Amino acid sequence: MRPPSLSLALLATTLCVGPTLFLAAAEDPTSTKPVKVFLLAGQSNMVGMASTEHLQLLANETCCNEYRSLWNGTAFAERDHVYMKYNDRQGKLTVGTGFAAPNKFGTELGFGWVVGDTMGNESVVLIKAAYGGRTLAVDFRPPASGEGTYSKVKPVHYGWEYRQMMADLYQGLDQLVDFYPDYDEAVGYELAGFVWFQGWNDMLSWPYVKEYSYNVSCFDACFDACFDACSSEYDTDDMGTKGLREVER
């Protein structure tokens, strides 16, 4: 498989945040070029806790025009030109592609729809790796952070989910031809962005919070190195859960 183009926009989100996206204007879809791939990762909110029942109500409300494109009149619509893989679920992006439970969906739905609208008729691919109830201080701890010193945590446990995440993302890239029908291995793919939606479990421990900035900077460095990203741009957002003062949230 041809290696990815060396460009990656990292959209890092810290301590329970919503992903933000900045994209250039869509290019000519008729030209032969690598397909743009966006990687998504994180914990439970990235896995997907949103209700499809609520989304259906919004899609059929006269006051909520921004949701209508998600519903085709009888069922949730599939998004043309946007393809998705999460675990064993794959295909065109729709409600359920990015989550195993039929009544839930995750960040990929809104993100993918916005990316698809921005890119026009140019196809894009989303690959997601997410696991609920994980911390950056322990579970997602990147190699650059070094081994933690928390009591009752076995050394082998530090970074175990980071390693699983990387394995799942690499597997998705290796299997592009299986779920993106127009994939051309001779042309390859371009890593166009990364969304990190994580932080709730770190917020529950003040020692984890105090080293979060350090760990996320190490995470960024490790991620860039693993995917040969030489020109990263970062956008970091904070939802401010539990208040505006740092000691409260």
C-alpha atoms as a PDB file:
ATOM      1  CA  MET A   1       0.000   0.000   0.000  1.00  0.00           C
ATOM      2  CA  ARG A   2       1.257   3.478  -0.865  1.00  0.00           C
ATOM      3  CA  PRO A   3       2.165   5.489   2.273  1.00  0.00           C
ATOM      4  CA  PRO A   4      -0.017   8.454   3.230  1.00  0.00           C
ATOM      5  CA  SER A   5       0.765  11.982   2.145  1.00  0.00           C
ATOM      6  CA  LEU A   6       2.716  13.818   4.829  1.00  0.00           C
ATOM      7  CA  SER A   7       0.067  16.282   5.988  1.00  0.00           C
ATOM      8  CA  LEU A   8      -2.063  16.049   9.100  1.00  0.00           C
ATOM      9  CA  ALA A   9      -4.272  18.561  10.878  1.00  0.00           C
ATOM     10  CA  LEU A  10      -4.604  17.436  14.484  1.00  0.00           C
ATOM     11  CA  LEU A  11      -7.812  18.607  16.129  1.00  0.00           C
ATOM     12  CA  ALA A  12      -7.010  17.811  19.768  1.00  0.00           C
ATOM     13  CA  THR A  13      -9.776  18.159  22.330  1.00  0.00           C
ATOM     14  CA  THR A  14      -9.095  18.287  26.077  1.00  0.00           C
ATOM     15  CA  LEU A  15     -11.101  17.512  29.183  1.00  0.00           C
ATOM     16  CA  CYS A  16     -14.500  16.783  27.625  1.00  0.00           C
ATOM     17  CA  VAL A  17     -14.712  18.896  24.554  1.00  0.00           C
ATOM     18  CA  GLY A  18     -16.453  19.092  21.218  1.00  0.00           C
ATOM     19  CA  PRO A  19     -14.404  18.673  18.050  1.00  0.00           C
ATOM     20  CA  THR A  20     -13.802  21.677  15.805  1.00  0.00           C
ATOM     21  CA  LEU A  21     -13.010  21.495  12.116  1.00  0.00           C
ATOM     22  CA  PHE A  22     -11.196  23.778   9.710  1.00  0.00           C
ATOM     23  CA  LEU A  23     -11.045  22.693   6.068  1.00  0.00           C
ATOM     24  CA  ALA A  24      -9.851  24.187   2.850  1.00  0.00           C
ATOM     25  CA  ALA A  25     -12.258  24.512  -0.062  1.00  0.00           C
ATOM     26  CA  ALA A  26     -13.030  21.302  -1.918  1.00  0.00           C
ATOM     27  CA  GLU A  27     -10.783  20.473  -4.829  1.00  0.00           C
ATOM     28  CA  ASP A  28     -11.758  19.193  -8.239  1.00  0.00           C
ATOM     29  CA  PRO A  29     -13.329  15.748  -7.559  1.00  0.00           C
ATOM     30  CA  THR A  30     -12.477  14.520 -11.060  1.00  0.00           C
ATOM     31  CA  SER A  31      -8.715  14.684 -10.552  1.00  0.00           C
ATOM     32  CA  THR A  32      -6.835  11.573  -9.460  1.00  0.00           C
ATOM     33  CA  LYS A  33      -5.494  12.151  -5.971  1.00  0.00           C
ATOM     34  CA  PRO A  34      -5.294  10.343  -2.623  1.00  0.00           C
ATOM     35  CA  VAL A  35      -8.576   9.978  -0.741  1.00  0.00           C
ATOM     36  CA  LYS A  36      -8.712  12.133   2.386  1.00  0.00           C
ATOM     37  CA  VAL A  37      -8.905  10.135   5.624  1.00  0.00           C
ATOM     38  CA  PHE A  38      -9.898  11.515   9.031  1.00  0.00           C
ATOM     39  CA  LEU A  39      -9.037   9.558  12.174  1.00  0.00           C
ATOM     40  CA  LEU A  40     -11.321   9.803  15.224  1.00  0.00           C
ATOM     41  CA  ALA A  41     -10.470   8.540  18.706  1.00  0.00           C
ATOM     42  CA  GLY A  42     -11.390   8.944  22.364  1.00  0.00           C
ATOM     43  CA  GLN A  43     -13.534   7.514  25.124  1.00  0.00           C
ATOM     44  CA  SER A  44     -17.314   7.173  25.696  1.00  0.00           C
ATOM     45  CA  ASN A  45     -18.445  10.415  24.057  1.00  0.00           C
ATOM     46  CA  MET A  46     -16.496   9.433  20.951  1.00  0.00           C
ATOM     47  CA  VAL A  47     -17.955   5.924  21.146  1.00  0.00           C
ATOM     48  CA  GLY A  48     -21.376   7.584  21.040  1.00  0.00           C
ATOM     49  CA  MET A  49     -23.976   8.223  23.716  1.00  0.00           C
ATOM     50  CA  ALA A  50     -26.457  10.311  21.677  1.00  0.00           C
ATOM     51  CA  SER A  51     -30.022   9.038  21.208  1.00  0.00           C
ATOM     52  CA  THR A  52     -31.290   8.209  17.718  1.00  0.00           C
ATOM     53  CA  GLU A  53     -34.855   8.630  18.985  1.00  0.00           C
ATOM     54  CA  HIS A  54     -34.104  12.239  19.920  1.00  0.00           C
ATOM     55  CA  LEU A  55     -32.335  12.807  16.591  1.00  0.00           C
ATOM     56  CA  GLN A  56     -35.365  11.516  14.673  1.00  0.00           C
ATOM     57  CA  LEU A  57     -37.591  14.000  16.499  1.00  0.00           C
ATOM     58  CA  LEU A  58     -35.215  16.848  15.637  1.00  0.00           C
ATOM     59  CA  ALA A  59     -35.000  15.754  12.000  1.00  0.00           C
ATOM     60  CA  ASN A  60     -38.771  15.958  11.694  1.00  0.00           C
ATOM     61  CA  GLU A  61     -39.250  19.248  13.569  1.00  0.00           C
ATOM     62  CA  THR A  62     -40.090  22.237  11.359  1.00  0.00           C
ATOM     63  CA  CYS A  63     -37.812  24.469  13.459  1.00  0.00           C
ATOM     64  CA  CYS A  64     -34.686  22.315  13.027  1.00  0.00           C
ATOM     65  CA  ASN A  65     -33.783  22.573   9.337  1.00  0.00           C
ATOM     66  CA  GLU A  66     -30.131  21.675   9.960  1.00  0.00           C
ATOM     67  CA  TYR A  67     -31.148  18.108  10.863  1.00  0.00           C
ATOM     68  CA  ARG A  68     -33.497  17.391   7.962  1.00  0.00           C
ATOM     69  CA  SER A  69     -30.797  16.046   5.660  1.00  0.00           C
ATOM     70  CA  LEU A  70     -30.245  13.211   8.161  1.00  0.00           C
ATOM     71  CA  TRP A  71     -33.729  11.805   7.489  1.00  0.00           C
ATOM     72  CA  ASN A  72     -34.997  10.580   4.094  1.00  0.00           C
ATOM     73  CA  GLY A  73     -38.672  10.437   5.046  1.00  0.00           C
ATOM     74  CA  THR A  74     -38.785   6.847   6.277  1.00  0.00           C
ATOM     75  CA  ALA A  75     -35.344   6.201   7.767  1.00  0.00           C
ATOM     76  CA  PHE A  76     -32.003   7.825   8.534  1.00  0.00           C
ATOM     77  CA  ALA A  77     -30.197   8.779   5.344  1.00  0.00           C
ATOM     78  CA  GLU A  78     -26.824   7.540   4.138  1.00  0.00           C
ATOM     79  CA  ARG A  79     -24.284  10.266   3.428  1.00  0.00           C
ATOM     80  CA  ASP A  80     -22.961  10.056  -0.119  1.00  0.00           C
ATOM     81  CA  HIS A  81     -19.184  10.394  -0.516  1.00  0.00           C
ATOM     82  CA  VAL A  82     -18.515   9.810   3.207  1.00  0.00           C
ATOM     83  CA  TYR A  83     -17.404   6.348   4.302  1.00  0.00           C
ATOM     84  CA  MET A  84     -16.924   5.089   7.836  1.00  0.00           C
ATOM     85  CA  LYS A  85     -15.276   2.260   9.738  1.00  0.00           C
ATOM     86  CA  TYR A  86     -15.620   1.509  13.436  1.00  0.00           C
ATOM     87  CA  ASN A  87     -14.809  -2.017  14.637  1.00  0.00           C
ATOM     88  CA  ASP A  88     -16.839  -4.366  12.406  1.00  0.00           C
ATOM     89  CA  ARG A  89     -19.301  -1.678  11.248  1.00  0.00           C
ATOM     90  CA  GLN A  90     -18.395  -0.049   7.966  1.00  0.00           C
ATOM     91  CA  GLY A  91     -19.836   1.491   4.828  1.00  0.00           C
ATOM     92  CA  LYS A  92     -21.484   4.789   3.937  1.00  0.00           C
ATOM     93  CA  LEU A  93     -21.896   7.085   6.924  1.00  0.00           C
ATOM     94  CA  THR A  94     -25.309   6.929   8.578  1.00  0.00           C
ATOM     95  CA  VAL A  95     -26.753   6.565  12.056  1.00  0.00           C
ATOM     96  CA  GLY A  96     -25.359   3.301  13.413  1.00  0.00           C
ATOM     97  CA  THR A  97     -22.276   3.030  11.206  1.00  0.00           C
ATOM     98  CA  GLY A  98     -20.138   4.381  14.000  1.00  0.00           C
ATOM     99  CA  PHE A  99     -21.728   2.606  16.954  1.00  0.00           C
ATOM    100  CA  ALA A 100     -22.695  -1.008  17.688  1.00  0.00           C
ATOM    101  CA  ALA A 101     -25.993  -0.206  19.464  1.00  0.00           C
ATOM    102  CA  PRO A 102     -28.855   0.539  17.020  1.00  0.00           C
ATOM    103  CA  ASN A 103     -30.273   3.369  19.163  1.00  0.00           C
ATOM    104  CA  LYS A 104     -27.074   5.389  19.645  1.00  0.00           C
ATOM    105  CA  PHE A 105     -24.652   7.429  17.561  1.00  0.00           C
ATOM    106  CA  GLY A 106     -21.430   9.322  18.120  1.00  0.00           C
ATOM    107  CA  THR A 107     -19.368  12.312  17.031  1.00  0.00           C
ATOM    108  CA  GLU A 108     -18.757  10.818  13.618  1.00  0.00           C
ATOM    109  CA  LEU A 109     -22.276  11.611  12.381  1.00  0.00           C
ATOM    110  CA  GLY A 110     -22.197  15.402  12.689  1.00  0.00           C
ATOM    111  CA  PHE A 111     -18.480  15.562  11.926  1.00  0.00           C
ATOM    112  CA  GLY A 112     -18.838  13.437   8.807  1.00  0.00           C
ATOM    113  CA  TRP A 113     -21.838  15.373   7.529  1.00  0.00           C
ATOM    114  CA  VAL A 114     -20.022  18.710   7.895  1.00  0.00           C
ATOM    115  CA  VAL A 115     -16.873  17.359   6.256  1.00  0.00           C
ATOM    116  CA  GLY A 116     -18.935  15.896   3.424  1.00  0.00           C
ATOM    117  CA  ASP A 117     -20.746  19.191   2.843  1.00  0.00           C
ATOM    118  CA  THR A 118     -17.427  21.069   2.879  1.00  0.00           C
ATOM    119  CA  MET A 119     -15.688  18.722   0.459  1.00  0.00           C
ATOM    120  CA  GLY A 120     -18.561  18.653  -2.046  1.00  0.00           C
ATOM    121  CA  ASN A 121     -18.424  15.581  -4.282  1.00  0.00           C
ATOM    122  CA  GLU A 122     -14.963  14.574  -3.119  1.00  0.00           C
ATOM    123  CA  SER A 123     -15.110  11.342  -1.112  1.00  0.00           C
ATOM    124  CA  VAL A 124     -13.705  11.202   2.405  1.00  0.00           C
ATOM    125  CA  VAL A 125     -13.174   8.350   4.856  1.00  0.00           C
ATOM    126  CA  LEU A 126     -13.586   8.312   8.643  1.00  0.00           C
ATOM    127  CA  ILE A 127     -11.873   5.668  10.777  1.00  0.00           C
ATOM    128  CA  LYS A 128     -12.793   5.574  14.457  1.00  0.00           C
ATOM    129  CA  ALA A 129     -11.192   3.902  17.478  1.00  0.00           C
ATOM    130  CA  ALA A 130     -12.967   4.577  20.771  1.00  0.00           C
ATOM    131  CA  TYR A 131     -13.448   2.877  24.143  1.00  0.00           C
ATOM    132  CA  GLY A 132     -15.551   4.010  27.091  1.00  0.00           C
ATOM    133  CA  GLY A 133     -14.293   4.922  30.556  1.00  0.00           C
ATOM    134  CA  ARG A 134     -10.601   5.446  29.766  1.00  0.00           C
ATOM    135  CA  THR A 135      -8.056   7.956  31.041  1.00  0.00           C
ATOM    136  CA  LEU A 136      -5.164   9.657  29.312  1.00  0.00           C
ATOM    137  CA  ALA A 137      -3.096   9.427  32.490  1.00  0.00           C
ATOM    138  CA  VAL A 138      -3.195   5.621  32.479  1.00  0.00           C
ATOM    139  CA  ASP A 139      -5.106   3.872  29.672  1.00  0.00           C
ATOM    140  CA  PHE A 140      -4.266   6.156  26.720  1.00  0.00           C
ATOM    141  CA  ARG A 141      -0.916   7.195  28.187  1.00  0.00           C
ATOM    142  CA  PRO A 142       1.463   7.713  25.235  1.00  0.00           C
ATOM    143  CA  PRO A 143       5.049   6.388  25.238  1.00  0.00           C
ATOM    144  CA  ALA A 144       6.500   9.911  25.374  1.00  0.00           C
ATOM    145  CA  SER A 145       4.849  10.511  28.771  1.00  0.00           C
ATOM    146  CA  GLY A 146       6.910   7.757  30.343  1.00  0.00           C
ATOM    147  CA  GLU A 147       5.581   5.266  32.853  1.00  0.00           C
ATOM    148  CA  GLY A 148       3.225   6.711  35.441  1.00  0.00           C
ATOM    149  CA  THR A 149       3.736   6.510  39.193  1.00  0.00           C
ATOM    150  CA  TYR A 150       0.168   5.931  40.357  1.00  0.00           C
ATOM    151  CA  SER A 151      -0.367   3.397  43.115  1.00  0.00           C
ATOM    152  CA  LYS A 152      -2.197   0.155  42.313  1.00  0.00           C
ATOM    153  CA  VAL A 153      -1.533   0.551  38.576  1.00  0.00           C
ATOM    154  CA  LYS A 154       0.552  -2.226  37.064  1.00  0.00           C
ATOM    155  CA  PRO A 155       3.276  -1.067  34.641  1.00  0.00           C
ATOM    156  CA  VAL A 156       1.761  -3.099  31.785  1.00  0.00           C
ATOM    157  CA  HIS A 157      -1.488  -1.172  32.133  1.00  0.00           C
ATOM    158  CA  TYR A 158       0.046   2.195  31.277  1.00  0.00           C
ATOM    159  CA  GLY A 159      -0.766   2.953  27.641  1.00  0.00           C
ATOM    160  CA  TRP A 160      -2.564  -0.320  26.924  1.00  0.00           C
ATOM    161  CA  GLU A 161      -5.486   1.454  25.245  1.00  0.00           C
ATOM    162  CA  TYR A 162      -3.147   3.769  23.363  1.00  0.00           C
ATOM    163  CA  ARG A 163      -1.580   0.681  21.821  1.00  0.00           C
ATOM    164  CA  GLN A 164      -5.006  -0.750  21.008  1.00  0.00           C
ATOM    165  CA  MET A 165      -6.107   2.543  19.452  1.00  0.00           C
ATOM    166  CA  MET A 166      -3.066   2.675  17.193  1.00  0.00           C
ATOM    167  CA  ALA A 167      -3.595  -0.948  16.159  1.00  0.00           C
ATOM    168  CA  ASP A 168      -7.258  -0.270  15.291  1.00  0.00           C
ATOM    169  CA  LEU A 169      -6.442   2.865  13.300  1.00  0.00           C
ATOM    170  CA  TYR A 170      -3.687   1.123  11.359  1.00  0.00           C
ATOM    171  CA  GLN A 171      -6.034  -1.791  10.682  1.00  0.00           C
ATOM    172  CA  GLY A 172      -8.636   0.585   9.291  1.00  0.00           C
ATOM    173  CA  LEU A 173      -6.077   2.129   6.961  1.00  0.00           C
ATOM    174  CA  ASP A 174      -4.960  -1.322   5.814  1.00  0.00           C
ATOM    175  CA  GLN A 175      -8.581  -2.293   5.084  1.00  0.00           C
ATOM    176  CA  LEU A 176      -9.607   0.807   3.120  1.00  0.00           C
ATOM    177  CA  VAL A 177     -10.265  -1.238   0.018  1.00  0.00           C
ATOM    178  CA  ASP A 178     -12.810  -3.340   1.932  1.00  0.00           C
ATOM    179  CA  PHE A 179     -15.211  -0.500   2.828  1.00  0.00           C
ATOM    180  CA  TYR A 180     -14.377   2.314   0.396  1.00  0.00           C
ATOM    181  CA  PRO A 181     -15.278   0.877  -3.031  1.00  0.00           C
ATOM    182  CA  ASP A 182     -13.409   3.506  -5.084  1.00  0.00           C
ATOM    183  CA  TYR A 183     -10.130   3.165  -3.238  1.00  0.00           C
ATOM    184  CA  ASP A 184      -7.125   3.110  -5.577  1.00  0.00           C
ATOM    185  CA  GLU A 185      -4.143   1.490  -3.880  1.00  0.00           C
ATOM    186  CA  ALA A 186      -1.821   2.927  -6.534  1.00  0.00           C
ATOM    187  CA  VAL A 187      -2.840   6.474  -5.548  1.00  0.00           C
ATOM    188  CA  GLY A 188      -3.170   5.831  -1.817  1.00  0.00           C
ATOM    189  CA  TYR A 189      -4.614   8.073   0.874  1.00  0.00           C
ATOM    190  CA  GLU A 190      -3.906  11.355   2.652  1.00  0.00           C
ATOM    191  CA  LEU A 191      -4.334  11.788   6.405  1.00  0.00           C
ATOM    192  CA  ALA A 192      -6.389  14.984   6.462  1.00  0.00           C
ATOM    193  CA  GLY A 193      -7.213  15.309  10.159  1.00  0.00           C
ATOM    194  CA  PHE A 194      -7.518  13.776  13.596  1.00  0.00           C
ATOM    195  CA  VAL A 195     -10.225  14.343  16.226  1.00  0.00           C
ATOM    196  CA  TRP A 196      -9.540  13.492  19.885  1.00  0.00           C
ATOM    197  CA  PHE A 197     -12.661  13.553  22.105  1.00  0.00           C
ATOM    198  CA  GLN A 198     -11.664  12.471  25.601  1.00  0.00           C
ATOM    199  CA  GLY A 199     -11.129  13.664  29.153  1.00  0.00           C
ATOM    200  CA  TRP A 200     -14.096  12.841  31.369  1.00  0.00           C
ATOM    201  CA  ASN A 201     -12.392  10.114  33.367  1.00  0.00           C
ATOM    202  CA  ASP A 202      -9.246  12.200  33.842  1.00  0.00           C
ATOM    203  CA  MET A 203     -11.434  14.987  35.213  1.00  0.00           C
ATOM    204  CA  LEU A 204     -12.502  12.699  38.065  1.00  0.00           C
ATOM    205  CA  SER A 205      -8.972  12.643  39.499  1.00  0.00           C
ATOM    206  CA  TRP A 206      -7.100  15.830  40.380  1.00  0.00           C
ATOM    207  CA  PRO A 207      -3.640  14.202  39.891  1.00  0.00           C
ATOM    208  CA  TYR A 208      -4.779  13.139  36.400  1.00  0.00           C
ATOM    209  CA  VAL A 209      -6.029  16.662  35.670  1.00  0.00           C
ATOM    210  CA  LYS A 210      -2.737  18.254  36.734  1.00  0.00           C
ATOM    211  CA  GLU A 211      -0.750  16.259  34.172  1.00  0.00           C
ATOM    212  CA  TYR A 212      -3.345  16.296  31.398  1.00  0.00           C
ATOM    213  CA  SER A 213      -1.721  19.135  29.448  1.00  0.00           C
ATOM    214  CA  TYR A 214       1.627  17.360  29.598  1.00  0.00           C
ATOM    215  CA  ASN A 215       0.131  14.033  28.535  1.00  0.00           C
ATOM    216  CA  VAL A 216      -1.846  15.489  25.652  1.00  0.00           C
ATOM    217  CA  SER A 217       1.266  17.260  24.321  1.00  0.00           C
ATOM    218  CA  CYS A 218       3.123  13.927  24.504  1.00  0.00           C
ATOM    219  CA  PHE A 219       0.161  12.248  22.822  1.00  0.00           C
ATOM    220  CA  ASP A 220       0.350  14.787  19.980  1.00  0.00           C
ATOM    221  CA  ALA A 221       4.073  14.187  19.526  1.00  0.00           C
ATOM    222  CA  CYS A 222       3.690  10.393  19.481  1.00  0.00           C
ATOM    223  CA  PHE A 223       0.752  10.566  17.080  1.00  0.00           C
ATOM    224  CA  ASP A 224       2.656  12.830  14.695  1.00  0.00           C
ATOM    225  CA  ALA A 225       5.644  10.503  14.774  1.00  0.00           C
ATOM    226  CA  CYS A 226       3.553   7.371  14.158  1.00  0.00           C
ATOM    227  CA  PHE A 227       1.825   8.888  11.133  1.00  0.00           C
ATOM    228  CA  ASP A 228       4.765  10.905   9.770  1.00  0.00           C
ATOM    229  CA  ALA A 229       2.882  14.180  10.198  1.00  0.00           C
ATOM    230  CA  CYS A 230       5.308  16.992   9.466  1.00  0.00           C
ATOM    231  CA  SER A 231       2.994  20.032   9.433  1.00  0.00           C
ATOM    232  CA  SER A 232       0.383  19.699  12.144  1.00  0.00           C
ATOM    233  CA  GLU A 233      -2.123  22.374  13.098  1.00  0.00           C
ATOM    234  CA  TYR A 234      -3.905  22.176  16.445  1.00  0.00           C
ATOM    235  CA  ASP A 235      -7.257  23.393  17.671  1.00  0.00           C
ATOM    236  CA  THR A 236      -7.996  22.708  21.331  1.00  0.00           C
ATOM    237  CA  ASP A 237     -11.351  23.353  22.992  1.00  0.00           C
ATOM    238  CA  ASP A 238     -12.632  23.004  26.560  1.00  0.00           C
ATOM    239  CA  MET A 239     -16.323  22.633  27.403  1.00  0.00           C
ATOM    240  CA  GLY A 240     -15.810  24.010  30.900  1.00  0.00           C
ATOM    241  CA  THR A 241     -17.818  21.247  32.558  1.00  0.00           C
ATOM    242  CA  LYS A 242     -18.673  22.070  36.203  1.00  0.00           C
ATOM    243  CA  GLY A 243     -17.800  25.739  35.915  1.00  0.00           C
ATOM    244  CA  LEU A 244     -15.389  28.287  34.501  1.00  0.00           C
ATOM    245  CA  ARG A 245     -12.756  28.137  37.246  1.00  0.00           C
ATOM    246  CA  GLU A 246     -10.036  25.546  36.717  1.00  0.00           C
ATOM    247  CA  VAL A 247     -10.297  24.258  40.289  1.00  0.00           C
ATOM    248  CA  GLU A 248     -14.031  23.560  39.781  1.00  0.00           C
ATOM    249  CA  ARG A 249     -13.762  21.689  36.527  1.00  0.00           C
END
